[in-house]
Each structure stands twice: as structure tokens, then as C-alpha cells.
Amino acid sequence: MTGQPSMNASKNDVDISLAEFLELIERPYSQPTIARLIDRLFGYSLSGSYSDTQVLSATGQIIALRDLYDLFQQDSALRASLRRAAHSLHQ
């Protein structure tokens, strides 16, 4: 994953770009990890893979992937959770 560090970021505090986020959400190798994360944080589930991936609320409402990305970007603790999940895939 190659995100750009923010101006106030530490060496390990690298933001995940939208493209990287979409890869995490859409790729079968990372979906189980990301599905657990979004279920724990938001009560959302994943359906499909690749370009057919959908994020669903507990009531079955489709959550736009960009909206979910924006939720992570708005909160430093959520961004950190996403980074940890992404890094765990590369260990």
C-alpha cells in the first residue's frame, strides 16, 4: 500500500488513498479482514467482490463505497483501525 503521509503524520501514520481503500474492499484476499472491521465498527456487511462489491447496512441499505471511505477519513481512530487492518494483510 502506498499512501502519502499527511503533513502532521508520523512515519507510521500513512493515509490510505481511495484507490487503496477500494482495493481492500473489493479484493477477495482482503475482504474477510475488512468485512470484520466494518462489521465491528459500523454493523455493515460486504457482498460480492471486485466491481460487484457492495457494503450493506444492518437494514440492507447499500452504503456507497466513497461514503464509507469518507467515514474513515473523518476520524483519526477509524483511520488507524483501517491502517492496522491493511498492514495485517502484509504480515
PDB file of N, CA and C in Angstrom:
ATOM      1  N   MET A   1       0.842  -1.162   0.000  1.00  0.00           N
ATOM      2  CA  MET A   1       0.000   0.000   0.000  1.00  0.00           C
ATOM      3  C   MET A   1       0.893   1.232   0.000  1.00  0.00           C
ATOM      4  N   THR A   2       0.582   2.155  -0.846  1.00  0.00           N
ATOM      5  CA  THR A   2       1.409   3.344  -0.942  1.00  0.00           C
ATOM      6  C   THR A   2       0.562   4.592  -0.819  1.00  0.00           C
ATOM      7  N   GLY A   3       0.290   5.015   0.390  1.00  0.00           N
ATOM      8  CA  GLY A   3      -0.408   6.268   0.621  1.00  0.00           C
ATOM      9  C   GLY A   3       0.599   7.368   0.862  1.00  0.00           C
ATOM     10  N   GLN A   4       0.151   8.577   0.803  1.00  0.00           N
ATOM     11  CA  GLN A   4       1.015   9.716   1.066  1.00  0.00           C
ATOM     12  C   GLN A   4       0.839  10.151   2.512  1.00  0.00           C
ATOM     13  N   PRO A   5       1.932  10.369   3.245  1.00  0.00           N
ATOM     14  CA  PRO A   5       1.806  10.830   4.620  1.00  0.00           C
ATOM     15  C   PRO A   5       1.195  12.223   4.654  1.00  0.00           C
ATOM     16  N   SER A   6       0.350  12.452   5.637  1.00  0.00           N
ATOM     17  CA  SER A   6      -0.200  13.796   5.800  1.00  0.00           C
ATOM     18  C   SER A   6       0.863  14.686   6.433  1.00  0.00           C
ATOM     19  N   MET A   7       0.631  15.981   6.419  1.00  0.00           N
ATOM     20  CA  MET A   7       1.615  16.943   6.934  1.00  0.00           C
ATOM     21  C   MET A   7       1.932  16.698   8.408  1.00  0.00           C
ATOM     22  N   ASN A   8       0.961  16.255   9.181  1.00  0.00           N
ATOM     23  CA  ASN A   8       1.153  16.035  10.611  1.00  0.00           C
ATOM     24  C   ASN A   8       1.367  14.562  10.952  1.00  0.00           C
ATOM     25  N   ALA A   9       1.622  13.758   9.962  1.00  0.00           N
ATOM     26  CA  ALA A   9       1.698  12.317  10.179  1.00  0.00           C
ATOM     27  C   ALA A   9       3.064  11.909  10.699  1.00  0.00           C
ATOM     28  N   SER A  10       3.059  10.915  11.555  1.00  0.00           N
ATOM     29  CA  SER A  10       4.313  10.300  11.965  1.00  0.00           C
ATOM     30  C   SER A  10       4.763   9.371  10.848  1.00  0.00           C
ATOM     31  N   LYS A  11       5.946   8.791  11.002  1.00  0.00           N
ATOM     32  CA  LYS A  11       6.484   7.908   9.975  1.00  0.00           C
ATOM     33  C   LYS A  11       5.555   6.721   9.695  1.00  0.00           C
ATOM     34  N   ASN A  12       4.853   6.218  10.705  1.00  0.00           N
ATOM     35  CA  ASN A  12       3.973   5.066  10.537  1.00  0.00           C
ATOM     36  C   ASN A  12       2.518   5.460  10.300  1.00  0.00           C
ATOM     37  N   ASP A  13       2.228   6.749  10.244  1.00  0.00           N
ATOM     38  CA  ASP A  13       0.870   7.246  10.129  1.00  0.00           C
ATOM     39  C   ASP A  13       0.603   7.648   8.685  1.00  0.00           C
ATOM     40  N   VAL A  14       0.427   6.664   7.805  1.00  0.00           N
ATOM     41  CA  VAL A  14       0.251   6.901   6.384  1.00  0.00           C
ATOM     42  C   VAL A  14      -1.216   6.687   6.029  1.00  0.00           C
ATOM     43  N   ASP A  15      -1.812   7.702   5.402  1.00  0.00           N
ATOM     44  CA  ASP A  15      -3.206   7.585   4.992  1.00  0.00           C
ATOM     45  C   ASP A  15      -3.344   6.588   3.852  1.00  0.00           C
ATOM     46  N   ILE A  16      -4.485   5.960   3.799  1.00  0.00           N
ATOM     47  CA  ILE A  16      -4.812   5.034   2.720  1.00  0.00           C
ATOM     48  C   ILE A  16      -5.625   5.814   1.697  1.00  0.00           C
ATOM     49  N   SER A  17      -5.182   5.773   0.452  1.00  0.00           N
ATOM     50  CA  SER A  17      -5.875   6.504  -0.608  1.00  0.00           C
ATOM     51  C   SER A  17      -7.207   5.827  -0.926  1.00  0.00           C
ATOM     52  N   LEU A  18      -8.057   6.548  -1.649  1.00  0.00           N
ATOM     53  CA  LEU A  18      -9.334   5.975  -2.066  1.00  0.00           C
ATOM     54  C   LEU A  18      -9.108   4.729  -2.917  1.00  0.00           C
ATOM     55  N   ALA A  19      -8.149   4.778  -3.822  1.00  0.00           N
ATOM     56  CA  ALA A  19      -7.864   3.613  -4.680  1.00  0.00           C
ATOM     57  C   ALA A  19      -7.433   2.406  -3.848  1.00  0.00           C
ATOM     58  N   GLU A  20      -6.592   2.637  -2.850  1.00  0.00           N
ATOM     59  CA  GLU A  20      -6.146   1.545  -1.982  1.00  0.00           C
ATOM     60  C   GLU A  20      -7.321   1.011  -1.153  1.00  0.00           C
ATOM     61  N   PHE A  21      -8.170   1.911  -0.669  1.00  0.00           N
ATOM     62  CA  PHE A  21      -9.348   1.511   0.089  1.00  0.00           C
ATOM     63  C   PHE A  21     -10.258   0.623  -0.759  1.00  0.00           C
ATOM     64  N   LEU A  22     -10.499   1.045  -2.003  1.00  0.00           N
ATOM     65  CA  LEU A  22     -11.355   0.255  -2.888  1.00  0.00           C
ATOM     66  C   LEU A  22     -10.752  -1.120  -3.151  1.00  0.00           C
ATOM     67  N   GLU A  23      -9.445  -1.191  -3.278  1.00  0.00           N
ATOM     68  CA  GLU A  23      -8.788  -2.489  -3.460  1.00  0.00           C
ATOM     69  C   GLU A  23      -9.013  -3.374  -2.237  1.00  0.00           C
ATOM     70  N   LEU A  24      -8.877  -2.808  -1.050  1.00  0.00           N
ATOM     71  CA  LEU A  24      -9.103  -3.577   0.176  1.00  0.00           C
ATOM     72  C   LEU A  24     -10.533  -4.102   0.253  1.00  0.00           C
ATOM     73  N   ILE A  25     -11.479  -3.265  -0.135  1.00  0.00           N
ATOM     74  CA  ILE A  25     -12.893  -3.630  -0.062  1.00  0.00           C
ATOM     75  C   ILE A  25     -13.255  -4.662  -1.125  1.00  0.00           C
ATOM     76  N   GLU A  26     -12.689  -4.528  -2.326  1.00  0.00           N
ATOM     77  CA  GLU A  26     -13.131  -5.318  -3.476  1.00  0.00           C
ATOM     78  C   GLU A  26     -12.388  -6.627  -3.686  1.00  0.00           C
ATOM     79  N   ARG A  27     -11.181  -6.753  -3.190  1.00  0.00           N
ATOM     80  CA  ARG A  27     -10.364  -7.934  -3.482  1.00  0.00           C
ATOM     81  C   ARG A  27     -10.663  -9.067  -2.507  1.00  0.00           C
ATOM     82  N   PRO A  28     -10.879 -10.277  -3.024  1.00  0.00           N
ATOM     83  CA  PRO A  28     -11.203 -11.412  -2.154  1.00  0.00           C
ATOM     84  C   PRO A  28     -10.161 -11.691  -1.073  1.00  0.00           C
ATOM     85  N   TYR A  29      -8.872 -11.429  -1.339  1.00  0.00           N
ATOM     86  CA  TYR A  29      -7.843 -11.735  -0.340  1.00  0.00           C
ATOM     87  C   TYR A  29      -7.973 -10.853   0.899  1.00  0.00           C
ATOM     88  N   SER A  30      -8.476  -9.656   0.734  1.00  0.00           N
ATOM     89  CA  SER A  30      -8.568  -8.738   1.869  1.00  0.00           C
ATOM     90  C   SER A  30      -9.973  -8.602   2.431  1.00  0.00           C
ATOM     91  N   GLN A  31     -10.963  -9.083   1.710  1.00  0.00           N
ATOM     92  CA  GLN A  31     -12.341  -8.907   2.162  1.00  0.00           C
ATOM     93  C   GLN A  31     -12.647  -9.469   3.545  1.00  0.00           C
ATOM     94  N   PRO A  32     -12.175 -10.664   3.904  1.00  0.00           N
ATOM     95  CA  PRO A  32     -12.503 -11.153   5.251  1.00  0.00           C
ATOM     96  C   PRO A  32     -12.022 -10.214   6.363  1.00  0.00           C
ATOM     97  N   THR A  33     -10.832  -9.684   6.216  1.00  0.00           N
ATOM     98  CA  THR A  33     -10.277  -8.771   7.225  1.00  0.00           C
ATOM     99  C   THR A  33     -11.079  -7.476   7.272  1.00  0.00           C
ATOM    100  N   ILE A  34     -11.348  -6.905   6.117  1.00  0.00           N
ATOM    101  CA  ILE A  34     -12.078  -5.642   6.056  1.00  0.00           C
ATOM    102  C   ILE A  34     -13.534  -5.843   6.459  1.00  0.00           C
ATOM    103  N   ALA A  35     -14.121  -6.978   6.099  1.00  0.00           N
ATOM    104  CA  ALA A  35     -15.506  -7.255   6.492  1.00  0.00           C
ATOM    105  C   ALA A  35     -15.640  -7.302   8.014  1.00  0.00           C
ATOM    106  N   ARG A  36     -14.684  -7.943   8.680  1.00  0.00           N
ATOM    107  CA  ARG A  36     -14.725  -7.976  10.150  1.00  0.00           C
ATOM    108  C   ARG A  36     -14.617  -6.573  10.730  1.00  0.00           C
ATOM    109  N   LEU A  37     -13.751  -5.754  10.142  1.00  0.00           N
ATOM    110  CA  LEU A  37     -13.552  -4.396  10.633  1.00  0.00           C
ATOM    111  C   LEU A  37     -14.827  -3.560  10.483  1.00  0.00           C
ATOM    112  N   ILE A  38     -15.431  -3.561   9.300  1.00  0.00           N
ATOM    113  CA  ILE A  38     -16.606  -2.709   9.114  1.00  0.00           C
ATOM    114  C   ILE A  38     -17.826  -3.248   9.851  1.00  0.00           C
ATOM    115  N   ASP A  39     -17.858  -4.554  10.087  1.00  0.00           N
ATOM    116  CA  ASP A  39     -18.933  -5.105  10.906  1.00  0.00           C
ATOM    117  C   ASP A  39     -18.765  -4.636  12.347  1.00  0.00           C
ATOM    118  N   ARG A  40     -17.557  -4.723  12.858  1.00  0.00           N
ATOM    119  CA  ARG A  40     -17.289  -4.313  14.246  1.00  0.00           C
ATOM    120  C   ARG A  40     -17.526  -2.817  14.447  1.00  0.00           C
ATOM    121  N   LEU A  41     -17.098  -2.005  13.494  1.00  0.00           N
ATOM    122  CA  LEU A  41     -17.189  -0.556  13.658  1.00  0.00           C
ATOM    123  C   LEU A  41     -18.571   0.018  13.344  1.00  0.00           C
ATOM    124  N   PHE A  42     -19.214  -0.522  12.304  1.00  0.00           N
ATOM    125  CA  PHE A  42     -20.446   0.101  11.808  1.00  0.00           C
ATOM    126  C   PHE A  42     -21.647  -0.841  11.733  1.00  0.00           C
ATOM    127  N   GLY A  43     -21.427  -2.148  11.922  1.00  0.00           N
ATOM    128  CA  GLY A  43     -22.515  -3.100  11.745  1.00  0.00           C
ATOM    129  C   GLY A  43     -22.841  -3.352  10.276  1.00  0.00           C
ATOM    130  N   TYR A  44     -21.877  -3.056   9.373  1.00  0.00           N
ATOM    131  CA  TYR A  44     -22.059  -3.241   7.938  1.00  0.00           C
ATOM    132  C   TYR A  44     -21.521  -4.599   7.512  1.00  0.00           C
ATOM    133  N   SER A  45     -22.014  -5.084   6.377  1.00  0.00           N
ATOM    134  CA  SER A  45     -21.511  -6.333   5.808  1.00  0.00           C
ATOM    135  C   SER A  45     -21.094  -6.095   4.354  1.00  0.00           C
ATOM    136  N   LEU A  46     -20.274  -7.006   3.841  1.00  0.00           N
ATOM    137  CA  LEU A  46     -19.828  -6.956   2.447  1.00  0.00           C
ATOM    138  C   LEU A  46     -20.555  -8.024   1.655  1.00  0.00           C
ATOM    139  N   SER A  47     -20.854  -7.695   0.423  1.00  0.00           N
ATOM    140  CA  SER A  47     -21.463  -8.636  -0.506  1.00  0.00           C
ATOM    141  C   SER A  47     -20.755  -8.495  -1.843  1.00  0.00           C
ATOM    142  N   GLY A  48     -20.490  -9.594  -2.511  1.00  0.00           N
ATOM    143  CA  GLY A  48     -19.853  -9.558  -3.823  1.00  0.00           C
ATOM    144  C   GLY A  48     -18.351  -9.347  -3.731  1.00  0.00           C
ATOM    145  N   SER A  49     -17.730  -9.220  -4.888  1.00  0.00           N
ATOM    146  CA  SER A  49     -16.298  -8.946  -4.958  1.00  0.00           C
ATOM    147  C   SER A  49     -16.007  -8.182  -6.242  1.00  0.00           C
ATOM    148  N   TYR A  50     -14.804  -7.662  -6.285  1.00  0.00           N
ATOM    149  CA  TYR A  50     -14.358  -6.842  -7.404  1.00  0.00           C
ATOM    150  C   TYR A  50     -15.378  -5.731  -7.671  1.00  0.00           C
ATOM    151  N   SER A  51     -15.751  -5.497  -8.916  1.00  0.00           N
ATOM    152  CA  SER A  51     -16.640  -4.370  -9.226  1.00  0.00           C
ATOM    153  C   SER A  51     -18.076  -4.596  -8.752  1.00  0.00           C
ATOM    154  N   ASP A  52     -18.389  -5.814  -8.319  1.00  0.00           N
ATOM    155  CA  ASP A  52     -19.739  -6.114  -7.809  1.00  0.00           C
ATOM    156  C   ASP A  52     -19.843  -5.979  -6.291  1.00  0.00           C
ATOM    157  N   THR A  53     -18.795  -5.493  -5.640  1.00  0.00           N
ATOM    158  CA  THR A  53     -18.790  -5.364  -4.188  1.00  0.00           C
ATOM    159  C   THR A  53     -19.806  -4.319  -3.741  1.00  0.00           C
ATOM    160  N   GLN A  54     -20.555  -4.692  -2.706  1.00  0.00           N
ATOM    161  CA  GLN A  54     -21.473  -3.760  -2.070  1.00  0.00           C
ATOM    162  C   GLN A  54     -21.263  -3.825  -0.570  1.00  0.00           C
ATOM    163  N   VAL A  55     -21.424  -2.689   0.079  1.00  0.00           N
ATOM    164  CA  VAL A  55     -21.432  -2.623   1.529  1.00  0.00           C
ATOM    165  C   VAL A  55     -22.881  -2.391   1.928  1.00  0.00           C
ATOM    166  N   LEU A  56     -23.359  -3.214   2.862  1.00  0.00           N
ATOM    167  CA  LEU A  56     -24.756  -3.155   3.275  1.00  0.00           C
ATOM    168  C   LEU A  56     -24.868  -2.823   4.749  1.00  0.00           C
ATOM    169  N   SER A  57     -25.819  -1.954   5.066  1.00  0.00           N
ATOM    170  CA  SER A  57     -26.101  -1.649   6.470  1.00  0.00           C
ATOM    171  C   SER A  57     -26.844  -2.831   7.080  1.00  0.00           C
ATOM    172  N   ALA A  58     -27.057  -2.783   8.379  1.00  0.00           N
ATOM    173  CA  ALA A  58     -27.780  -3.859   9.075  1.00  0.00           C
ATOM    174  C   ALA A  58     -29.198  -4.005   8.539  1.00  0.00           C
ATOM    175  N   THR A  59     -29.756  -2.936   7.967  1.00  0.00           N
ATOM    176  CA  THR A  59     -31.113  -2.993   7.419  1.00  0.00           C
ATOM    177  C   THR A  59     -31.119  -3.307   5.932  1.00  0.00           C
ATOM    178  N   GLY A  60     -29.943  -3.556   5.353  1.00  0.00           N
ATOM    179  CA  GLY A  60     -29.845  -3.919   3.943  1.00  0.00           C
ATOM    180  C   GLY A  60     -29.669  -2.745   2.997  1.00  0.00           C
ATOM    181  N   GLN A  61     -29.540  -1.539   3.525  1.00  0.00           N
ATOM    182  CA  GLN A  61     -29.316  -0.366   2.692  1.00  0.00           C
ATOM    183  C   GLN A  61     -27.901  -0.408   2.130  1.00  0.00           C
ATOM    184  N   ILE A  62     -27.760  -0.097   0.848  1.00  0.00           N
ATOM    185  CA  ILE A  62     -26.445  -0.052   0.222  1.00  0.00           C
ATOM    186  C   ILE A  62     -25.737   1.229   0.652  1.00  0.00           C
ATOM    187  N   ILE A  63     -24.513   1.055   1.132  1.00  0.00           N
ATOM    188  CA  ILE A  63     -23.671   2.171   1.550  1.00  0.00           C
ATOM    189  C   ILE A  63     -22.670   2.425   0.433  1.00  0.00           C
ATOM    190  N   ALA A  64     -22.639   3.632  -0.082  1.00  0.00           N
ATOM    191  CA  ALA A  64     -21.690   3.975  -1.148  1.00  0.00           C
ATOM    192  C   ALA A  64     -20.262   3.798  -0.619  1.00  0.00           C
ATOM    193  N   LEU A  65     -19.406   3.190  -1.430  1.00  0.00           N
ATOM    194  CA  LEU A  65     -18.028   2.941  -1.012  1.00  0.00           C
ATOM    195  C   LEU A  65     -17.308   4.243  -0.704  1.00  0.00           C
ATOM    196  N   ARG A  66     -17.565   5.284  -1.474  1.00  0.00           N
ATOM    197  CA  ARG A  66     -16.927   6.584  -1.211  1.00  0.00           C
ATOM    198  C   ARG A  66     -17.393   7.138   0.138  1.00  0.00           C
ATOM    199  N   ASP A  67     -18.673   6.941   0.474  1.00  0.00           N
ATOM    200  CA  ASP A  67     -19.184   7.411   1.765  1.00  0.00           C
ATOM    201  C   ASP A  67     -18.500   6.676   2.911  1.00  0.00           C
ATOM    202  N   LEU A  68     -18.284   5.376   2.748  1.00  0.00           N
ATOM    203  CA  LEU A  68     -17.597   4.605   3.780  1.00  0.00           C
ATOM    204  C   LEU A  68     -16.149   5.083   3.912  1.00  0.00           C
ATOM    205  N   TYR A  69     -15.492   5.304   2.802  1.00  0.00           N
ATOM    206  CA  TYR A  69     -14.125   5.833   2.826  1.00  0.00           C
ATOM    207  C   TYR A  69     -14.090   7.165   3.571  1.00  0.00           C
ATOM    208  N   ASP A  70     -15.046   8.030   3.259  1.00  0.00           N
ATOM    209  CA  ASP A  70     -15.094   9.339   3.921  1.00  0.00           C
ATOM    210  C   ASP A  70     -15.295   9.209   5.429  1.00  0.00           C
ATOM    211  N   LEU A  71     -16.085   8.221   5.866  1.00  0.00           N
ATOM    212  CA  LEU A  71     -16.254   7.988   7.305  1.00  0.00           C
ATOM    213  C   LEU A  71     -14.914   7.702   7.968  1.00  0.00           C
ATOM    214  N   PHE A  72     -14.117   6.860   7.333  1.00  0.00           N
ATOM    215  CA  PHE A  72     -12.786   6.544   7.874  1.00  0.00           C
ATOM    216  C   PHE A  72     -11.901   7.784   7.894  1.00  0.00           C
ATOM    217  N   GLN A  73     -11.968   8.592   6.842  1.00  0.00           N
ATOM    218  CA  GLN A  73     -11.088   9.753   6.735  1.00  0.00           C
ATOM    219  C   GLN A  73     -11.432  10.845   7.747  1.00  0.00           C
ATOM    220  N   GLN A  74     -12.660  10.883   8.205  1.00  0.00           N
ATOM    221  CA  GLN A  74     -13.099  11.933   9.122  1.00  0.00           C
ATOM    222  C   GLN A  74     -12.676  11.698  10.569  1.00  0.00           C
ATOM    223  N   ASP A  75     -12.166  10.515  10.875  1.00  0.00           N
ATOM    224  CA  ASP A  75     -11.872  10.181  12.272  1.00  0.00           C
ATOM    225  C   ASP A  75     -10.515   9.497  12.356  1.00  0.00           C
ATOM    226  N   SER A  76      -9.615  10.047  13.153  1.00  0.00           N
ATOM    227  CA  SER A  76      -8.255   9.500  13.226  1.00  0.00           C
ATOM    228  C   SER A  76      -8.230   8.084  13.799  1.00  0.00           C
ATOM    229  N   ALA A  77      -9.106   7.775  14.738  1.00  0.00           N
ATOM    230  CA  ALA A  77      -9.136   6.422  15.299  1.00  0.00           C
ATOM    231  C   ALA A  77      -9.614   5.411  14.261  1.00  0.00           C
ATOM    232  N   LEU A  78     -10.586   5.806  13.440  1.00  0.00           N
ATOM    233  CA  LEU A  78     -11.053   4.909  12.375  1.00  0.00           C
ATOM    234  C   LEU A  78      -9.972   4.720  11.324  1.00  0.00           C
ATOM    235  N   ARG A  79      -9.263   5.811  10.976  1.00  0.00           N
ATOM    236  CA  ARG A  79      -8.152   5.687  10.015  1.00  0.00           C
ATOM    237  C   ARG A  79      -7.094   4.741  10.543  1.00  0.00           C
ATOM    238  N   ALA A  80      -6.797   4.847  11.819  1.00  0.00           N
ATOM    239  CA  ALA A  80      -5.788   3.964  12.419  1.00  0.00           C
ATOM    240  C   ALA A  80      -6.253   2.509  12.373  1.00  0.00           C
ATOM    241  N   SER A  81      -7.525   2.262  12.633  1.00  0.00           N
ATOM    242  CA  SER A  81      -8.068   0.898  12.560  1.00  0.00           C
ATOM    243  C   SER A  81      -7.945   0.346  11.149  1.00  0.00           C
ATOM    244  N   LEU A  82      -8.235   1.174  10.168  1.00  0.00           N
ATOM    245  CA  LEU A  82      -8.128   0.745   8.776  1.00  0.00           C
ATOM    246  C   LEU A  82      -6.676   0.458   8.410  1.00  0.00           C
ATOM    247  N   ARG A  83      -5.762   1.330   8.829  1.00  0.00           N
ATOM    248  CA  ARG A  83      -4.324   1.094   8.554  1.00  0.00           C
ATOM    249  C   ARG A  83      -3.857  -0.209   9.175  1.00  0.00           C
ATOM    250  N   ARG A  84      -4.254  -0.447  10.442  1.00  0.00           N
ATOM    251  CA  ARG A  84      -3.847  -1.701  11.109  1.00  0.00           C
ATOM    252  C   ARG A  84      -4.382  -2.918  10.345  1.00  0.00           C
ATOM    253  N   ALA A  85      -5.625  -2.844   9.911  1.00  0.00           N
ATOM    254  CA  ALA A  85      -6.209  -3.965   9.164  1.00  0.00           C
ATOM    255  C   ALA A  85      -5.444  -4.181   7.850  1.00  0.00           C
ATOM    256  N   ALA A  86      -5.139  -3.097   7.158  1.00  0.00           N
ATOM    257  CA  ALA A  86      -4.401  -3.209   5.898  1.00  0.00           C
ATOM    258  C   ALA A  86      -3.012  -3.777   6.125  1.00  0.00           C
ATOM    259  N   HIS A  87      -2.332  -3.297   7.163  1.00  0.00           N
ATOM    260  CA  HIS A  87      -0.974  -3.783   7.452  1.00  0.00           C
ATOM    261  C   HIS A  87      -0.989  -5.251   7.881  1.00  0.00           C
ATOM    262  N   SER A  88      -2.046  -5.686   8.535  1.00  0.00           N
ATOM    263  CA  SER A  88      -2.108  -7.094   8.970  1.00  0.00           C
ATOM    264  C   SER A  88      -2.147  -8.045   7.781  1.00  0.00           C
ATOM    265  N   LEU A  89      -2.585  -7.559   6.640  1.00  0.00           N
ATOM    266  CA  LEU A  89      -2.641  -8.391   5.438  1.00  0.00           C
ATOM    267  C   LEU A  89      -1.258  -8.626   4.856  1.00  0.00           C
ATOM    268  N   HIS A  90      -0.294  -7.808   5.241  1.00  0.00           N
ATOM    269  CA  HIS A  90       1.051  -7.893   4.671  1.00  0.00           C
ATOM    270  C   HIS A  90       2.051  -8.489   5.634  1.00  0.00           C
ATOM    271  N   GLN A  91       1.576  -9.085   6.706  1.00  0.00           N
ATOM    272  CA  GLN A  91       2.491  -9.701   7.689  1.00  0.00           C
ATOM    273  C   GLN A  91       2.647 -11.165   7.441  1.00  0.00           C
TER     274      GLN A  91
END
